[in-house]
């Protein structure tokens, strides 16, 4: 399978963390991200535990509208990123 180049937007602290992991294990940033994605896929493929807690405030927190600014759409974030790159 061929490798493809792509652009992702990450918080600065995540990029620093990936760089530290890469340096620590003698890997490239791409290798760290690839390994992380594969591991996340393995975790997601596992069957959920039957002991999942369905009550409590955390189970409903994501469904509540608490006001505040709605997050930007993916396209808006990308457009803003490109605008900043072109103006630099």
Protein backbone atom coordinates (compact mmCIF):
# COMPACT_ATOMS: atom_id res chain seq x y z
CA UNK A 1 0.00 0.00 0.00
CA UNK A 2 1.35 3.41 -0.96
CA UNK A 3 1.94 6.13 1.61
CA UNK A 4 -0.03 9.32 1.13
CA UNK A 5 0.82 12.79 2.39
CA UNK A 6 -1.87 14.71 4.21
CA UNK A 7 -2.20 17.69 6.49
CA UNK A 8 -3.74 17.44 9.92
CA UNK A 9 -4.30 20.15 12.48
CA UNK A 10 -3.23 19.32 16.04
CA UNK A 11 -2.83 21.33 19.20
CA UNK A 12 0.76 22.43 19.77
CA UNK A 13 1.09 20.32 22.93
CA UNK A 14 0.06 17.17 20.98
CA UNK A 15 2.73 17.84 18.35
CA UNK A 16 5.35 18.28 21.06
CA UNK A 17 4.22 15.02 22.69
CA UNK A 18 4.47 13.14 19.39
CA UNK A 19 7.98 14.56 18.83
CA UNK A 20 9.06 13.44 22.31
CA UNK A 21 7.67 9.95 21.74
CA UNK A 22 9.38 9.73 18.36
CA UNK A 23 12.74 10.82 19.78
CA UNK A 24 12.40 8.51 22.79
CA UNK A 25 11.76 5.41 20.67
CA UNK A 26 13.90 6.37 17.67
CA UNK A 27 10.91 6.67 15.35
CA UNK A 28 9.62 9.32 12.99
CA UNK A 29 6.52 11.31 13.84
CA UNK A 30 4.71 9.47 11.04
CA UNK A 31 5.61 6.11 12.57
CA UNK A 32 4.33 7.19 15.99
CA UNK A 33 1.03 8.33 14.48
CA UNK A 34 0.68 5.16 12.38
CA UNK A 35 1.31 2.92 15.40
CA UNK A 36 -1.16 4.96 17.46
CA UNK A 37 -3.85 4.65 14.80
CA UNK A 38 -3.37 0.90 14.54
CA UNK A 39 -3.49 0.51 18.33
CA UNK A 40 -6.64 2.67 18.51
CA UNK A 41 -8.21 0.49 15.83
CA UNK A 42 -7.42 -2.62 17.86
CA UNK A 43 -9.02 -1.09 20.95
CA UNK A 44 -12.09 0.01 19.00
CA UNK A 45 -12.49 -3.47 17.50
CA UNK A 46 -12.72 -5.03 20.98
CA UNK A 47 -16.15 -5.82 22.29
CA UNK A 48 -17.32 -3.34 24.90
CA UNK A 49 -17.27 -4.49 28.49
CA UNK A 50 -20.61 -5.72 29.80
CA UNK A 51 -19.92 -3.81 33.00
CA UNK A 52 -20.37 -0.40 31.38
CA UNK A 53 -21.80 2.15 33.73
CA UNK A 54 -24.90 3.71 32.19
CA UNK A 55 -25.90 6.04 34.99
CA UNK A 56 -24.31 9.12 36.41
CA UNK A 57 -23.61 12.57 35.09
CA UNK A 58 -20.96 11.46 32.60
CA UNK A 59 -23.41 9.33 30.66
CA UNK A 60 -25.58 12.34 29.83
CA UNK A 61 -23.02 15.16 29.77
CA UNK A 62 -22.42 14.88 26.02
CA UNK A 63 -26.12 15.16 25.23
CA UNK A 64 -26.65 18.45 27.06
CA UNK A 65 -26.57 21.86 25.43
CA UNK A 66 -24.89 24.06 28.00
CA UNK A 67 -24.62 27.16 25.88
CA UNK A 68 -21.43 28.71 24.67
CA UNK A 69 -19.89 28.78 21.25
CA UNK A 70 -20.49 25.86 18.93
CA UNK A 71 -17.27 24.27 17.68
CA UNK A 72 -16.19 25.19 14.17
CA UNK A 73 -16.89 22.77 11.37
CA UNK A 74 -14.02 20.83 9.85
CA UNK A 75 -14.23 22.95 6.69
CA UNK A 76 -14.13 26.20 8.71
CA UNK A 77 -11.05 25.01 10.61
CA UNK A 78 -9.34 24.03 7.36
CA UNK A 79 -10.20 27.36 5.71
CA UNK A 80 -8.85 29.27 8.72
CA UNK A 81 -5.66 27.18 8.67
CA UNK A 82 -5.10 27.89 4.96
CA UNK A 83 -5.80 31.60 5.49
CA UNK A 84 -3.17 31.75 8.26
CA UNK A 85 -0.64 29.86 6.12
CA UNK A 86 -1.14 32.16 3.14
CA UNK A 87 -0.88 35.33 5.22
CA UNK A 88 2.37 34.25 6.92
